Amino acid sequence: MLFRSSLVTALLGLAITGPLDEKAVSKDFSEYGLDKPSLTMVLHDRAGADTEIGFGKENAFLSTRYVKVSGRSGIYMVPQESFSSLNKSSKDLRSKNPLEFKVDDVREISLASAAGAVKLSQPVVGEWKIVEPKDLSASKESVEALVEAVGALSVSEFLDGKQADLAAYRLDRPEVRVDLTLRPGLPVRSRSISVSSADDGRSEEHTSELQSRLH
């Protein structure tokens, strides 16, 4: 959400100046990097009109970027800082929270690890109990701390296209698996996350690899 908010703020605050004096402007747009823009943005307004902005080369002396705006003749300039704020990839803009749920929406938790398997249920909000391997009372504080910790997990790196190679990340046999069942009425009623330590050869330390699956 932070990246998306920053992107909108940068876009709304975009200060386009110009156009440059036509007498001093070359007819060859490649001189300004506008034949193959470094970044192209297309804005769609509520009336259905589109505005395309192409960002060309940086003018290091002025700390600005050359831009071309559809519907306007000439070459314009924007601050380099604005370009940096807008030049984001899809990975920058994706949600870093893989689970996205509210603690109060959780109704059941299944936890499997080397320590064993346990299933918890919350028949009444705020009242947790263990239902497997046998009926036992549960600590409300401990369960809520667990749920909050799972909900706070954040992505440090996206491994797109690697989901079919779970064994490479030891996720075919995860060390810990947590399954959450959410309350009825939600579009998606479950969240699952598998956790495994993996040595990728780049570090002597083990790193955690997470796989989140939406059902």
N, C-alpha and C. Protein backbone atom coordinates (compact mmCIF):
# COMPACT_ATOMS: atom_id res chain seq x y z
N MET A 1 0.82 -1.20 0.00
CA MET A 1 0.00 0.00 0.00
C MET A 1 0.86 1.26 0.00
N LEU A 2 2.00 1.21 0.71
CA LEU A 2 2.87 2.38 0.78
C LEU A 2 3.39 2.77 -0.59
N PHE A 3 3.87 1.78 -1.38
CA PHE A 3 4.39 2.06 -2.71
C PHE A 3 3.31 2.64 -3.60
N ARG A 4 2.09 2.05 -3.53
CA ARG A 4 0.99 2.52 -4.37
C ARG A 4 0.61 3.95 -4.01
N SER A 5 0.59 4.26 -2.70
CA SER A 5 0.26 5.62 -2.26
C SER A 5 1.33 6.59 -2.73
N SER A 6 2.61 6.18 -2.65
CA SER A 6 3.71 7.04 -3.08
C SER A 6 3.63 7.29 -4.58
N LEU A 7 3.25 6.27 -5.34
CA LEU A 7 3.14 6.41 -6.79
C LEU A 7 2.06 7.42 -7.15
N VAL A 8 0.90 7.32 -6.52
CA VAL A 8 -0.19 8.26 -6.79
C VAL A 8 0.20 9.66 -6.39
N THR A 9 0.86 9.81 -5.24
CA THR A 9 1.30 11.13 -4.78
C THR A 9 2.28 11.75 -5.77
N ALA A 10 3.22 10.94 -6.25
CA ALA A 10 4.21 11.43 -7.22
C ALA A 10 3.55 11.83 -8.52
N LEU A 11 2.54 11.05 -8.93
CA LEU A 11 1.85 11.33 -10.18
C LEU A 11 1.04 12.62 -10.08
N LEU A 12 0.34 12.79 -8.97
CA LEU A 12 -0.47 14.00 -8.79
C LEU A 12 0.40 15.25 -8.66
N GLY A 13 1.63 15.05 -8.15
CA GLY A 13 2.52 16.20 -7.96
C GLY A 13 3.50 16.40 -9.11
N LEU A 14 3.29 15.67 -10.22
CA LEU A 14 4.21 15.75 -11.35
C LEU A 14 4.21 17.17 -11.94
N ALA A 15 5.37 17.80 -11.91
CA ALA A 15 5.51 19.17 -12.41
C ALA A 15 6.15 19.14 -13.79
N ILE A 16 5.31 19.30 -14.83
CA ILE A 16 5.80 19.30 -16.20
C ILE A 16 5.99 20.74 -16.65
N THR A 17 7.20 21.06 -17.07
CA THR A 17 7.49 22.42 -17.53
C THR A 17 7.83 22.41 -19.02
N GLY A 18 7.62 23.53 -19.67
CA GLY A 18 7.93 23.63 -21.10
C GLY A 18 6.70 24.09 -21.88
N PRO A 19 6.71 23.91 -23.18
CA PRO A 19 7.72 23.15 -23.95
C PRO A 19 9.01 23.93 -24.15
N LEU A 20 10.05 23.20 -24.56
CA LEU A 20 11.31 23.84 -24.87
C LEU A 20 11.17 24.68 -26.12
N ASP A 21 12.04 25.66 -26.25
CA ASP A 21 12.02 26.54 -27.41
C ASP A 21 12.20 25.70 -28.68
N GLU A 22 11.23 25.76 -29.58
CA GLU A 22 11.26 24.95 -30.80
C GLU A 22 12.51 25.23 -31.65
N LYS A 23 13.02 26.46 -31.58
CA LYS A 23 14.18 26.82 -32.39
C LYS A 23 15.44 26.08 -31.90
N ALA A 24 15.45 25.71 -30.61
CA ALA A 24 16.64 25.05 -30.05
C ALA A 24 16.48 23.55 -29.96
N VAL A 25 15.31 23.06 -30.35
CA VAL A 25 15.02 21.63 -30.22
C VAL A 25 15.36 20.90 -31.51
N SER A 26 16.06 19.79 -31.38
CA SER A 26 16.40 18.96 -32.54
C SER A 26 15.16 18.20 -33.00
N LYS A 27 15.05 17.96 -34.28
CA LYS A 27 13.94 17.19 -34.83
C LYS A 27 14.14 15.69 -34.60
N ASP A 28 15.35 15.33 -34.20
CA ASP A 28 15.67 13.93 -33.94
C ASP A 28 15.39 13.62 -32.47
N PHE A 29 14.27 12.95 -32.22
CA PHE A 29 13.86 12.67 -30.85
C PHE A 29 14.82 11.73 -30.12
N SER A 30 15.68 11.02 -30.87
CA SER A 30 16.61 10.10 -30.22
C SER A 30 17.62 10.86 -29.37
N GLU A 31 17.85 12.13 -29.70
CA GLU A 31 18.78 12.94 -28.91
C GLU A 31 18.27 13.13 -27.49
N TYR A 32 16.96 12.99 -27.31
CA TYR A 32 16.35 13.19 -25.99
C TYR A 32 15.88 11.86 -25.38
N GLY A 33 16.18 10.77 -26.09
CA GLY A 33 15.76 9.46 -25.58
C GLY A 33 14.27 9.23 -25.71
N LEU A 34 13.61 10.01 -26.55
CA LEU A 34 12.15 9.91 -26.67
C LEU A 34 11.72 9.00 -27.82
N ASP A 35 12.70 8.50 -28.59
CA ASP A 35 12.35 7.51 -29.62
C ASP A 35 12.12 6.15 -28.97
N LYS A 36 12.83 5.91 -27.86
CA LYS A 36 12.66 4.69 -27.07
C LYS A 36 12.66 5.11 -25.60
N PRO A 37 11.52 5.60 -25.09
CA PRO A 37 11.45 6.14 -23.73
C PRO A 37 11.91 5.15 -22.67
N SER A 38 12.54 5.68 -21.62
CA SER A 38 12.95 4.86 -20.48
C SER A 38 11.73 4.41 -19.68
N LEU A 39 10.68 5.19 -19.72
CA LEU A 39 9.44 4.88 -19.01
C LEU A 39 8.28 5.49 -19.77
N THR A 40 7.23 4.71 -19.94
CA THR A 40 6.01 5.22 -20.58
C THR A 40 4.84 4.99 -19.64
N MET A 41 4.09 6.04 -19.38
CA MET A 41 2.90 5.92 -18.53
C MET A 41 1.68 6.34 -19.33
N VAL A 42 0.61 5.57 -19.19
CA VAL A 42 -0.65 5.92 -19.84
C VAL A 42 -1.69 6.14 -18.74
N LEU A 43 -2.25 7.33 -18.69
CA LEU A 43 -3.23 7.69 -17.67
C LEU A 43 -4.62 7.64 -18.28
N HIS A 44 -5.54 6.99 -17.58
CA HIS A 44 -6.93 6.88 -18.02
C HIS A 44 -7.81 7.67 -17.06
N ASP A 45 -8.51 8.68 -17.56
CA ASP A 45 -9.39 9.43 -16.68
C ASP A 45 -10.80 8.85 -16.71
N ARG A 46 -11.65 9.34 -15.83
CA ARG A 46 -13.00 8.78 -15.69
C ARG A 46 -13.87 9.03 -16.91
N ALA A 47 -13.48 9.99 -17.75
CA ALA A 47 -14.24 10.27 -18.97
C ALA A 47 -13.85 9.33 -20.10
N GLY A 48 -12.80 8.51 -19.86
CA GLY A 48 -12.37 7.55 -20.88
C GLY A 48 -11.25 8.05 -21.76
N ALA A 49 -10.74 9.25 -21.48
CA ALA A 49 -9.65 9.80 -22.28
C ALA A 49 -8.30 9.29 -21.76
N ASP A 50 -7.37 9.05 -22.69
CA ASP A 50 -6.04 8.56 -22.33
C ASP A 50 -4.99 9.64 -22.59
N THR A 51 -4.03 9.73 -21.68
CA THR A 51 -2.89 10.63 -21.86
C THR A 51 -1.63 9.81 -21.66
N GLU A 52 -0.75 9.82 -22.66
CA GLU A 52 0.48 9.05 -22.58
C GLU A 52 1.65 9.99 -22.34
N ILE A 53 2.49 9.62 -21.38
CA ILE A 53 3.69 10.41 -21.06
C ILE A 53 4.91 9.52 -21.26
N GLY A 54 5.82 9.95 -22.12
CA GLY A 54 7.06 9.20 -22.36
C GLY A 54 8.22 9.94 -21.73
N PHE A 55 8.99 9.24 -20.91
CA PHE A 55 10.14 9.84 -20.23
C PHE A 55 11.42 9.44 -20.96
N GLY A 56 12.18 10.42 -21.41
CA GLY A 56 13.40 10.16 -22.16
C GLY A 56 14.65 10.23 -21.32
N LYS A 57 15.71 10.78 -21.89
CA LYS A 57 17.01 10.85 -21.22
C LYS A 57 17.00 11.87 -20.08
N GLU A 58 17.97 11.68 -19.19
CA GLU A 58 18.16 12.63 -18.10
C GLU A 58 19.09 13.75 -18.55
N ASN A 59 18.75 14.98 -18.21
CA ASN A 59 19.65 16.11 -18.36
C ASN A 59 20.34 16.29 -17.02
N ALA A 60 21.54 15.69 -16.89
CA ALA A 60 22.23 15.65 -15.60
C ALA A 60 22.55 17.05 -15.08
N PHE A 61 22.80 17.98 -16.00
CA PHE A 61 23.16 19.34 -15.58
C PHE A 61 21.98 20.01 -14.87
N LEU A 62 20.78 19.78 -15.38
CA LEU A 62 19.59 20.41 -14.80
C LEU A 62 18.85 19.47 -13.84
N SER A 63 19.31 18.20 -13.75
CA SER A 63 18.65 17.18 -12.93
C SER A 63 17.17 17.07 -13.30
N THR A 64 16.93 16.97 -14.62
CA THR A 64 15.58 16.85 -15.14
C THR A 64 15.54 15.73 -16.19
N ARG A 65 14.33 15.37 -16.60
CA ARG A 65 14.13 14.38 -17.66
C ARG A 65 13.33 15.02 -18.78
N TYR A 66 13.67 14.64 -20.03
CA TYR A 66 12.88 15.08 -21.17
C TYR A 66 11.63 14.20 -21.24
N VAL A 67 10.49 14.83 -21.54
CA VAL A 67 9.25 14.06 -21.65
C VAL A 67 8.46 14.51 -22.87
N LYS A 68 7.67 13.60 -23.38
CA LYS A 68 6.73 13.89 -24.48
C LYS A 68 5.35 13.52 -23.97
N VAL A 69 4.40 14.43 -24.15
CA VAL A 69 3.03 14.22 -23.67
C VAL A 69 2.10 14.15 -24.88
N SER A 70 1.33 13.07 -24.95
CA SER A 70 0.40 12.93 -26.07
C SER A 70 -0.62 14.07 -26.05
N GLY A 71 -0.94 14.54 -27.23
CA GLY A 71 -1.89 15.64 -27.33
C GLY A 71 -1.25 17.00 -27.23
N ARG A 72 0.03 17.03 -26.93
CA ARG A 72 0.77 18.29 -26.84
C ARG A 72 1.98 18.22 -27.78
N SER A 73 2.23 19.30 -28.47
CA SER A 73 3.40 19.34 -29.34
C SER A 73 4.60 19.82 -28.51
N GLY A 74 5.78 19.44 -28.96
CA GLY A 74 6.98 19.91 -28.29
C GLY A 74 7.50 18.93 -27.25
N ILE A 75 8.65 19.30 -26.67
CA ILE A 75 9.32 18.50 -25.65
C ILE A 75 9.27 19.24 -24.32
N TYR A 76 8.95 18.50 -23.26
CA TYR A 76 8.81 19.10 -21.94
C TYR A 76 9.87 18.53 -21.00
N MET A 77 9.88 19.03 -19.77
CA MET A 77 10.84 18.58 -18.77
C MET A 77 10.11 18.27 -17.46
N VAL A 78 10.63 17.29 -16.73
CA VAL A 78 10.14 17.00 -15.37
C VAL A 78 11.36 16.79 -14.49
N PRO A 79 11.25 17.03 -13.19
CA PRO A 79 12.38 16.79 -12.29
C PRO A 79 12.79 15.32 -12.28
N GLN A 80 14.09 15.07 -12.20
CA GLN A 80 14.59 13.70 -12.12
C GLN A 80 14.00 12.98 -10.91
N GLU A 81 13.78 13.70 -9.85
CA GLU A 81 13.21 13.12 -8.62
C GLU A 81 11.82 12.54 -8.90
N SER A 82 11.04 13.25 -9.73
CA SER A 82 9.70 12.75 -10.07
C SER A 82 9.79 11.47 -10.89
N PHE A 83 10.75 11.43 -11.81
CA PHE A 83 10.95 10.23 -12.62
C PHE A 83 11.29 9.04 -11.73
N SER A 84 12.19 9.23 -10.77
CA SER A 84 12.59 8.15 -9.87
C SER A 84 11.42 7.64 -9.05
N SER A 85 10.52 8.54 -8.66
CA SER A 85 9.36 8.16 -7.86
C SER A 85 8.36 7.36 -8.67
N LEU A 86 8.33 7.58 -9.99
CA LEU A 86 7.36 6.90 -10.85
C LEU A 86 7.92 5.66 -11.54
N ASN A 87 9.24 5.55 -11.59
CA ASN A 87 9.87 4.45 -12.31
C ASN A 87 9.90 3.19 -11.42
N LYS A 88 8.75 2.55 -11.26
CA LYS A 88 8.59 1.38 -10.40
C LYS A 88 8.21 0.16 -11.23
N SER A 89 8.70 -0.99 -10.80
CA SER A 89 8.32 -2.24 -11.46
C SER A 89 7.10 -2.84 -10.78
N SER A 90 6.55 -3.90 -11.37
CA SER A 90 5.39 -4.55 -10.76
C SER A 90 5.74 -5.12 -9.39
N LYS A 91 7.01 -5.54 -9.20
CA LYS A 91 7.41 -6.07 -7.90
C LYS A 91 7.40 -4.99 -6.83
N ASP A 92 7.73 -3.75 -7.23
CA ASP A 92 7.69 -2.65 -6.28
C ASP A 92 6.27 -2.35 -5.83
N LEU A 93 5.31 -2.56 -6.73
CA LEU A 93 3.93 -2.17 -6.47
C LEU A 93 3.07 -3.29 -5.89
N ARG A 94 3.59 -4.52 -5.91
CA ARG A 94 2.81 -5.63 -5.40
C ARG A 94 2.73 -5.58 -3.88
N SER A 95 1.64 -6.16 -3.35
CA SER A 95 1.49 -6.24 -1.91
C SER A 95 2.58 -7.14 -1.33
N LYS A 96 3.19 -6.67 -0.25
CA LYS A 96 4.24 -7.46 0.40
C LYS A 96 3.68 -8.35 1.51
N ASN A 97 2.38 -8.27 1.74
CA ASN A 97 1.74 -9.15 2.72
C ASN A 97 1.06 -10.28 1.96
N PRO A 98 1.58 -11.51 2.04
CA PRO A 98 1.04 -12.60 1.22
C PRO A 98 -0.29 -13.15 1.70
N LEU A 99 -0.68 -12.85 2.94
CA LEU A 99 -1.87 -13.48 3.50
C LEU A 99 -3.08 -12.55 3.53
N GLU A 100 -2.89 -11.32 3.94
CA GLU A 100 -3.94 -10.31 3.92
C GLU A 100 -5.24 -10.79 4.56
N PHE A 101 -5.24 -10.86 5.87
CA PHE A 101 -6.46 -11.20 6.58
C PHE A 101 -6.52 -10.40 7.88
N LYS A 102 -7.71 -10.31 8.45
CA LYS A 102 -7.89 -9.65 9.73
C LYS A 102 -7.91 -10.71 10.83
N VAL A 103 -7.26 -10.41 11.93
CA VAL A 103 -7.17 -11.36 13.03
C VAL A 103 -8.56 -11.79 13.49
N ASP A 104 -9.49 -10.84 13.55
CA ASP A 104 -10.85 -11.16 14.05
C ASP A 104 -11.63 -12.06 13.10
N ASP A 105 -11.15 -12.20 11.84
CA ASP A 105 -11.86 -13.04 10.86
C ASP A 105 -11.46 -14.51 10.94
N VAL A 106 -10.41 -14.83 11.70
CA VAL A 106 -9.93 -16.22 11.77
C VAL A 106 -10.84 -17.05 12.66
N ARG A 107 -11.24 -18.24 12.16
CA ARG A 107 -12.12 -19.12 12.93
C ARG A 107 -11.43 -20.43 13.30
N GLU A 108 -10.51 -20.92 12.47
CA GLU A 108 -9.78 -22.15 12.77
C GLU A 108 -8.32 -22.01 12.35
N ILE A 109 -7.45 -22.70 13.08
CA ILE A 109 -6.02 -22.71 12.77
C ILE A 109 -5.53 -24.15 12.84
N SER A 110 -4.83 -24.60 11.80
CA SER A 110 -4.17 -25.90 11.83
C SER A 110 -2.69 -25.65 11.71
N LEU A 111 -1.92 -26.20 12.65
CA LEU A 111 -0.48 -25.97 12.70
C LEU A 111 0.23 -27.32 12.71
N ALA A 112 1.10 -27.55 11.74
CA ALA A 112 1.85 -28.81 11.65
C ALA A 112 3.34 -28.52 11.61
N SER A 113 4.11 -29.20 12.47
CA SER A 113 5.56 -29.03 12.51
C SER A 113 6.16 -30.30 13.10
N ALA A 114 7.48 -30.28 13.31
CA ALA A 114 8.15 -31.43 13.90
C ALA A 114 7.66 -31.70 15.32
N ALA A 115 7.12 -30.68 15.94
CA ALA A 115 6.60 -30.82 17.30
C ALA A 115 5.25 -31.52 17.33
N GLY A 116 4.64 -31.70 16.15
CA GLY A 116 3.34 -32.35 16.08
C GLY A 116 2.33 -31.49 15.37
N ALA A 117 1.08 -31.94 15.39
CA ALA A 117 0.00 -31.21 14.73
C ALA A 117 -1.04 -30.80 15.76
N VAL A 118 -1.56 -29.62 15.59
CA VAL A 118 -2.59 -29.12 16.50
C VAL A 118 -3.60 -28.31 15.71
N LYS A 119 -4.85 -28.41 16.09
CA LYS A 119 -5.91 -27.64 15.45
C LYS A 119 -6.65 -26.86 16.52
N LEU A 120 -6.85 -25.59 16.24
CA LEU A 120 -7.54 -24.71 17.18
C LEU A 120 -8.80 -24.16 16.53
N SER A 121 -9.77 -23.88 17.36
CA SER A 121 -11.04 -23.35 16.86
C SER A 121 -11.47 -22.17 17.73
N GLN A 122 -12.17 -21.23 17.10
CA GLN A 122 -12.69 -20.06 17.80
C GLN A 122 -14.20 -20.00 17.56
N PRO A 123 -14.98 -20.81 18.27
CA PRO A 123 -16.43 -20.84 18.06
C PRO A 123 -17.10 -19.50 18.39
N VAL A 124 -16.51 -18.80 19.37
CA VAL A 124 -16.98 -17.47 19.76
C VAL A 124 -15.78 -16.54 19.73
N VAL A 125 -15.94 -15.37 19.15
CA VAL A 125 -14.81 -14.45 19.03
C VAL A 125 -14.20 -14.19 20.40
N GLY A 126 -12.88 -14.42 20.49
CA GLY A 126 -12.17 -14.21 21.75
C GLY A 126 -12.05 -15.44 22.61
N GLU A 127 -12.69 -16.54 22.21
CA GLU A 127 -12.63 -17.78 22.99
C GLU A 127 -12.04 -18.90 22.13
N TRP A 128 -10.76 -19.17 22.32
CA TRP A 128 -10.06 -20.19 21.55
C TRP A 128 -9.99 -21.50 22.32
N LYS A 129 -10.05 -22.62 21.60
CA LYS A 129 -9.86 -23.92 22.22
C LYS A 129 -9.14 -24.85 21.25
N ILE A 130 -8.41 -25.84 21.82
CA ILE A 130 -7.73 -26.86 21.03
C ILE A 130 -8.72 -28.00 20.79
N VAL A 131 -8.90 -28.38 19.52
CA VAL A 131 -9.85 -29.45 19.19
C VAL A 131 -9.14 -30.72 18.72
N GLU A 132 -7.89 -30.61 18.31
CA GLU A 132 -7.08 -31.76 17.92
C GLU A 132 -5.64 -31.52 18.39
N PRO A 133 -4.96 -32.54 18.93
CA PRO A 133 -5.33 -33.96 18.91
C PRO A 133 -6.40 -34.35 19.93
N LYS A 134 -6.70 -33.43 20.88
CA LYS A 134 -7.82 -33.68 21.78
C LYS A 134 -8.31 -32.35 22.32
N ASP A 135 -9.49 -32.35 22.89
CA ASP A 135 -10.09 -31.12 23.39
C ASP A 135 -9.33 -30.60 24.62
N LEU A 136 -8.83 -29.37 24.48
CA LEU A 136 -8.12 -28.72 25.58
C LEU A 136 -8.41 -27.22 25.54
N SER A 137 -8.28 -26.57 26.66
CA SER A 137 -8.43 -25.12 26.66
C SER A 137 -7.17 -24.51 26.07
N ALA A 138 -7.30 -23.35 25.45
CA ALA A 138 -6.16 -22.67 24.81
C ALA A 138 -5.99 -21.28 25.39
N SER A 139 -4.75 -20.81 25.37
CA SER A 139 -4.45 -19.46 25.85
C SER A 139 -4.84 -18.45 24.77
N LYS A 140 -5.78 -17.60 25.08
CA LYS A 140 -6.22 -16.58 24.14
C LYS A 140 -5.05 -15.69 23.71
N GLU A 141 -4.21 -15.31 24.65
CA GLU A 141 -3.09 -14.42 24.36
C GLU A 141 -2.08 -15.10 23.43
N SER A 142 -1.77 -16.38 23.69
CA SER A 142 -0.79 -17.10 22.87
C SER A 142 -1.29 -17.31 21.45
N VAL A 143 -2.58 -17.67 21.33
CA VAL A 143 -3.15 -17.91 20.00
C VAL A 143 -3.20 -16.62 19.21
N GLU A 144 -3.63 -15.54 19.83
CA GLU A 144 -3.72 -14.27 19.13
C GLU A 144 -2.33 -13.77 18.74
N ALA A 145 -1.32 -14.04 19.57
CA ALA A 145 0.06 -13.66 19.22
C ALA A 145 0.52 -14.43 18.00
N LEU A 146 0.14 -15.73 17.92
CA LEU A 146 0.48 -16.55 16.76
C LEU A 146 -0.18 -16.01 15.50
N VAL A 147 -1.46 -15.72 15.58
CA VAL A 147 -2.21 -15.23 14.42
C VAL A 147 -1.65 -13.89 13.95
N GLU A 148 -1.32 -13.02 14.88
CA GLU A 148 -0.77 -11.71 14.53
C GLU A 148 0.60 -11.86 13.87
N ALA A 149 1.40 -12.82 14.36
CA ALA A 149 2.73 -13.04 13.77
C ALA A 149 2.60 -13.55 12.33
N VAL A 150 1.65 -14.45 12.09
CA VAL A 150 1.43 -14.96 10.73
C VAL A 150 0.93 -13.84 9.83
N GLY A 151 0.00 -13.04 10.33
CA GLY A 151 -0.54 -11.95 9.53
C GLY A 151 0.46 -10.86 9.23
N ALA A 152 1.52 -10.76 10.05
CA ALA A 152 2.53 -9.71 9.86
C ALA A 152 3.65 -10.15 8.94
N LEU A 153 3.63 -11.41 8.47
CA LEU A 153 4.69 -11.88 7.57
C LEU A 153 4.77 -11.00 6.32
N SER A 154 5.98 -10.66 5.93
CA SER A 154 6.18 -9.78 4.79
C SER A 154 7.13 -10.42 3.78
N VAL A 155 6.86 -10.20 2.51
CA VAL A 155 7.68 -10.75 1.43
C VAL A 155 8.96 -9.93 1.27
N SER A 156 10.10 -10.61 1.23
CA SER A 156 11.37 -9.92 0.97
C SER A 156 11.80 -10.10 -0.47
N GLU A 157 11.34 -11.18 -1.11
CA GLU A 157 11.69 -11.44 -2.50
C GLU A 157 10.61 -12.30 -3.13
N PHE A 158 10.18 -11.94 -4.35
CA PHE A 158 9.20 -12.73 -5.08
C PHE A 158 9.91 -13.74 -5.96
N LEU A 159 9.49 -15.00 -5.89
CA LEU A 159 10.08 -16.06 -6.70
C LEU A 159 9.07 -16.50 -7.75
N ASP A 160 8.68 -15.59 -8.60
CA ASP A 160 7.67 -15.87 -9.62
C ASP A 160 8.13 -16.97 -10.56
N GLY A 161 7.21 -17.87 -10.88
CA GLY A 161 7.51 -18.94 -11.82
C GLY A 161 8.25 -20.11 -11.20
N LYS A 162 8.52 -20.04 -9.91
CA LYS A 162 9.27 -21.12 -9.24
C LYS A 162 8.35 -22.06 -8.45
N GLN A 163 7.02 -21.82 -8.51
CA GLN A 163 6.11 -22.59 -7.68
C GLN A 163 6.12 -24.09 -8.00
N ALA A 164 6.49 -24.43 -9.24
CA ALA A 164 6.48 -25.84 -9.62
C ALA A 164 7.73 -26.57 -9.12
N ASP A 165 8.69 -25.82 -8.60
CA ASP A 165 9.94 -26.42 -8.17
C ASP A 165 10.07 -26.32 -6.65
N LEU A 166 9.05 -26.82 -5.94
CA LEU A 166 9.02 -26.68 -4.49
C LEU A 166 10.17 -27.40 -3.81
N ALA A 167 10.60 -28.53 -4.38
CA ALA A 167 11.66 -29.31 -3.75
C ALA A 167 12.95 -28.51 -3.65
N ALA A 168 13.19 -27.61 -4.60
CA ALA A 168 14.40 -26.80 -4.59
C ALA A 168 14.45 -25.88 -3.38
N TYR A 169 13.29 -25.59 -2.83
CA TYR A 169 13.20 -24.71 -1.66
C TYR A 169 12.76 -25.47 -0.41
N ARG A 170 12.77 -26.80 -0.52
CA ARG A 170 12.38 -27.68 0.58
C ARG A 170 10.94 -27.42 1.03
N LEU A 171 10.14 -26.98 0.10
CA LEU A 171 8.74 -26.71 0.42
C LEU A 171 7.82 -27.87 0.05
N ASP A 172 8.40 -28.92 -0.56
CA ASP A 172 7.60 -30.11 -0.79
C ASP A 172 7.35 -30.85 0.53
N ARG A 173 8.27 -30.63 1.49
CA ARG A 173 8.12 -31.16 2.84
C ARG A 173 8.45 -30.05 3.83
N PRO A 174 7.57 -29.08 3.97
CA PRO A 174 7.85 -27.91 4.81
C PRO A 174 8.07 -28.28 6.27
N GLU A 175 8.89 -27.48 6.93
CA GLU A 175 9.12 -27.68 8.36
C GLU A 175 7.92 -27.23 9.19
N VAL A 176 7.25 -26.20 8.70
CA VAL A 176 6.06 -25.69 9.38
C VAL A 176 5.00 -25.36 8.35
N ARG A 177 3.78 -25.74 8.63
CA ARG A 177 2.66 -25.36 7.76
C ARG A 177 1.53 -24.84 8.64
N VAL A 178 0.99 -23.70 8.24
CA VAL A 178 -0.12 -23.09 8.96
C VAL A 178 -1.28 -22.90 8.00
N ASP A 179 -2.46 -23.43 8.37
CA ASP A 179 -3.67 -23.26 7.58
C ASP A 179 -4.69 -22.49 8.40
N LEU A 180 -5.22 -21.45 7.81
CA LEU A 180 -6.21 -20.62 8.48
C LEU A 180 -7.56 -20.74 7.77
N THR A 181 -8.61 -20.90 8.54
CA THR A 181 -9.97 -20.87 8.00
C THR A 181 -10.63 -19.60 8.51
N LEU A 182 -11.15 -18.81 7.59
CA LEU A 182 -11.74 -17.52 7.95
C LEU A 182 -13.27 -17.63 8.06
N ARG A 183 -13.86 -16.60 8.55
CA ARG A 183 -15.30 -16.61 8.80
C ARG A 183 -16.10 -16.69 7.50
N PRO A 184 -17.31 -17.26 7.57
CA PRO A 184 -18.18 -17.32 6.39
C PRO A 184 -18.52 -15.91 5.89
N GLY A 185 -18.75 -15.81 4.60
CA GLY A 185 -19.14 -14.54 4.00
C GLY A 185 -18.00 -13.82 3.31
N LEU A 186 -16.76 -14.26 3.53
CA LEU A 186 -15.62 -13.64 2.86
C LEU A 186 -15.40 -14.27 1.49
N PRO A 187 -14.94 -13.50 0.50
CA PRO A 187 -14.70 -14.06 -0.84
C PRO A 187 -13.72 -15.22 -0.84
N VAL A 188 -12.67 -15.09 -0.02
CA VAL A 188 -11.67 -16.16 0.13
C VAL A 188 -11.68 -16.57 1.59
N ARG A 189 -11.93 -17.86 1.85
CA ARG A 189 -12.15 -18.30 3.22
C ARG A 189 -10.98 -19.03 3.84
N SER A 190 -9.86 -19.15 3.14
CA SER A 190 -8.72 -19.84 3.74
C SER A 190 -7.41 -19.26 3.26
N ARG A 191 -6.41 -19.40 4.11
CA ARG A 191 -5.05 -18.99 3.80
C ARG A 191 -4.13 -20.10 4.29
N SER A 192 -3.10 -20.41 3.51
CA SER A 192 -2.14 -21.43 3.90
C SER A 192 -0.73 -20.92 3.65
N ILE A 193 0.17 -21.25 4.56
CA ILE A 193 1.55 -20.84 4.36
C ILE A 193 2.47 -21.97 4.82
N SER A 194 3.47 -22.27 3.99
CA SER A 194 4.46 -23.29 4.30
C SER A 194 5.81 -22.60 4.50
N VAL A 195 6.56 -23.05 5.50
CA VAL A 195 7.83 -22.42 5.83
C VAL A 195 8.92 -23.49 5.87
N SER A 196 10.06 -23.18 5.23
CA SER A 196 11.17 -24.11 5.24
C SER A 196 12.47 -23.35 5.23
N SER A 197 13.50 -23.90 5.87
CA SER A 197 14.83 -23.29 5.81
C SER A 197 15.55 -23.90 4.62
N ALA A 198 16.24 -23.07 3.85
CA ALA A 198 16.91 -23.55 2.65
C ALA A 198 18.28 -22.92 2.54
N ASP A 199 19.28 -23.73 2.17
CA ASP A 199 20.64 -23.24 1.93
C ASP A 199 20.81 -23.12 0.44
N ASP A 200 20.85 -21.88 -0.07
CA ASP A 200 20.93 -21.68 -1.52
C ASP A 200 22.36 -21.60 -2.03
N GLY A 201 23.35 -21.78 -1.14
CA GLY A 201 24.74 -21.76 -1.58
C GLY A 201 25.34 -20.37 -1.65
N ARG A 202 24.52 -19.34 -1.46
CA ARG A 202 25.05 -17.98 -1.54
C ARG A 202 25.44 -17.45 -0.17
N SER A 203 25.04 -18.15 0.87
CA SER A 203 25.31 -17.68 2.21
C SER A 203 25.48 -18.86 3.14
N GLU A 204 26.26 -18.67 4.19
CA GLU A 204 26.42 -19.73 5.17
C GLU A 204 25.21 -19.83 6.07
N GLU A 205 24.40 -18.78 6.06
CA GLU A 205 23.22 -18.78 6.88
C GLU A 205 22.05 -19.37 6.10
N HIS A 206 21.06 -19.85 6.82
CA HIS A 206 19.84 -20.35 6.20
C HIS A 206 18.85 -19.21 6.07
N THR A 207 18.11 -19.24 5.00
CA THR A 207 17.09 -18.23 4.78
C THR A 207 15.73 -18.91 4.76
N SER A 208 14.72 -18.15 5.11
CA SER A 208 13.37 -18.70 5.12
C SER A 208 12.70 -18.45 3.79
N GLU A 209 12.14 -19.48 3.23
CA GLU A 209 11.42 -19.37 1.98
C GLU A 209 9.95 -19.62 2.29
N LEU A 210 9.09 -18.73 1.84
CA LEU A 210 7.68 -18.82 2.16
C LEU A 210 6.88 -19.04 0.90
N GLN A 211 5.91 -19.91 0.99
CA GLN A 211 4.99 -20.08 -0.13
C GLN A 211 3.59 -19.87 0.39
N SER A 212 2.91 -18.88 -0.18
CA SER A 212 1.55 -18.60 0.23
C SER A 212 0.60 -19.08 -0.85
N ARG A 213 -0.44 -19.78 -0.46
CA ARG A 213 -1.41 -20.29 -1.43
C ARG A 213 -2.80 -19.83 -1.02
N LEU A 214 -3.51 -19.31 -1.98
CA LEU A 214 -4.88 -18.88 -1.74
C LEU A 214 -5.82 -19.94 -2.25
N HIS A 215 -6.83 -20.30 -1.48
CA HIS A 215 -7.79 -21.32 -1.87
C HIS A 215 -9.15 -20.65 -2.07
